Amino acid sequence: MDKIMDQSGVERRSRVNIVQKKCRERGVDVAIFTSPENIYYLAGLDYEGYFCLHALLVPANGTPVLFARSIETPTILRQAKDVQFIGYADNDDVPAAIASQLVAIAGKSPRVALQRNSAFNVAIDAPLRVALPNAEFLDSSGIVEEMRMVKSPVEIEQIKRAARISDIMIAAGIGAAGNGVTENSVAAEVYRAMISAGGQTPGFPPFIRSVDRICEPHTTWTSRELKTGDSFLLELSGCIDRYHAPVARTGYIGPAPASASKLSAISNQAHLKALNALKPSALASDVHAAWRAHLHASNALPRLEHCGYTVGISFPPTWTGGPGINSLHGASTVQIQEGMVFHLLTWITDDAGNDNFLSDCVLVEKSGGVFLTNSPRDLAAV
């Protein structure tokens, strides 16, 4: 573990150097990043304090400066060792403090790039423009997100560890389900397995739904009691050092209807079509086309118009990577590259009212996509 932490520190310093080079190439004096995922990627701050404003100022040359609440000082000094930390009190004028730091770095007429795809940008954008009337404001969105799309060997190892935990969680959830068992009892076993295996708090909670609630994409367990004949869904992710590996499986309490088994087979085949198309140099739209063609030929109805998205670093309330999601959809021009990691998914329904949701964490290697999660993909029956 210490070796991984050391390698991660080296990687973060290299990432900052790349961002600074991009700033110099664009004539930017300071780039400001406010999303948790980008700050963690560059500074290594992994905690639950991101509900308040954080701003990481990366100058074209020199040491990055991190603004966060003063109460977080012990954590930040321990984790984010390669930044200058400036703490603020809850009643401080934070934009004014940031403006003062920008002047100290680059004078009264700096060229500043703000992360406009981050919700926290709203808190500082207008005040900075008032405080620095001679500054020029650009957009830093996409600089770090583009870097994050291709994972390093260290990052891939973290995701593989998360994937092993995802499989353990799926097995625990399916093993706990049964006639007379409540959804929250299944959730308890999933959490027990996750924590016992070394997993950390994931960006999303495990989504555990049954029967008519399977079609609700972002709701989770209730106290409902499962009964023989019920369908159920587990969609969840292990998490290691904020790296995620989502997976989803569908099952039945008792034997599944023939129509549900047929839908499961279609889902499996579409899943493999997408996997086989996920090769370096292909476009995301090519992967979607292969997936969509199989569903169309099988008369299956997709609940989503995409078949996956990139994953890796995420903080609550999501495991999708925060701002700048890259989906596998029909209009995407994103080129697939070795080292990308996807939550590859197929969610389909039929006229009989069945749903099948099948997903896996997939790594793109030189030869193509490979599953990192490996729970049985057939319809579960318990």
Foldseek 3Di string as FASTA:
>chain_A
DVVLLVVLVVQLVVLLLQVLVVCVVVVAFKEKDWDPLLCCSNFVQDDDQSVDTWIWIRGNDDFIEIEEAPVCVVSSVVGRVRHHYDHDHPPDLVLLVVLVVCCVRPNLAGEYAYAVLDPSSVSRVVVSCVNRVNYHYHHPHPVVVVVVQFDDPSLVVQALLFQVLQQQLVVQLLVQDAAFQFQVSSLVSSVVSLVVSPFDDAQARWAKDKDPCVLPDRHHGDRDGAHAFIKMKTWDWGGDSQFTKIWMFIAGHADYDPVQQVVLVLFVVLLVQLQQQFAAQGFLLSSLVSSVVSCVVVVWAFPDQFFKWFFTGDHYNDRQSRGDIGTSHNPGRDGRHARGKIFGWTWTDDPVRDITITTTIWGHHNNTIDGSHDHDSGHYYD
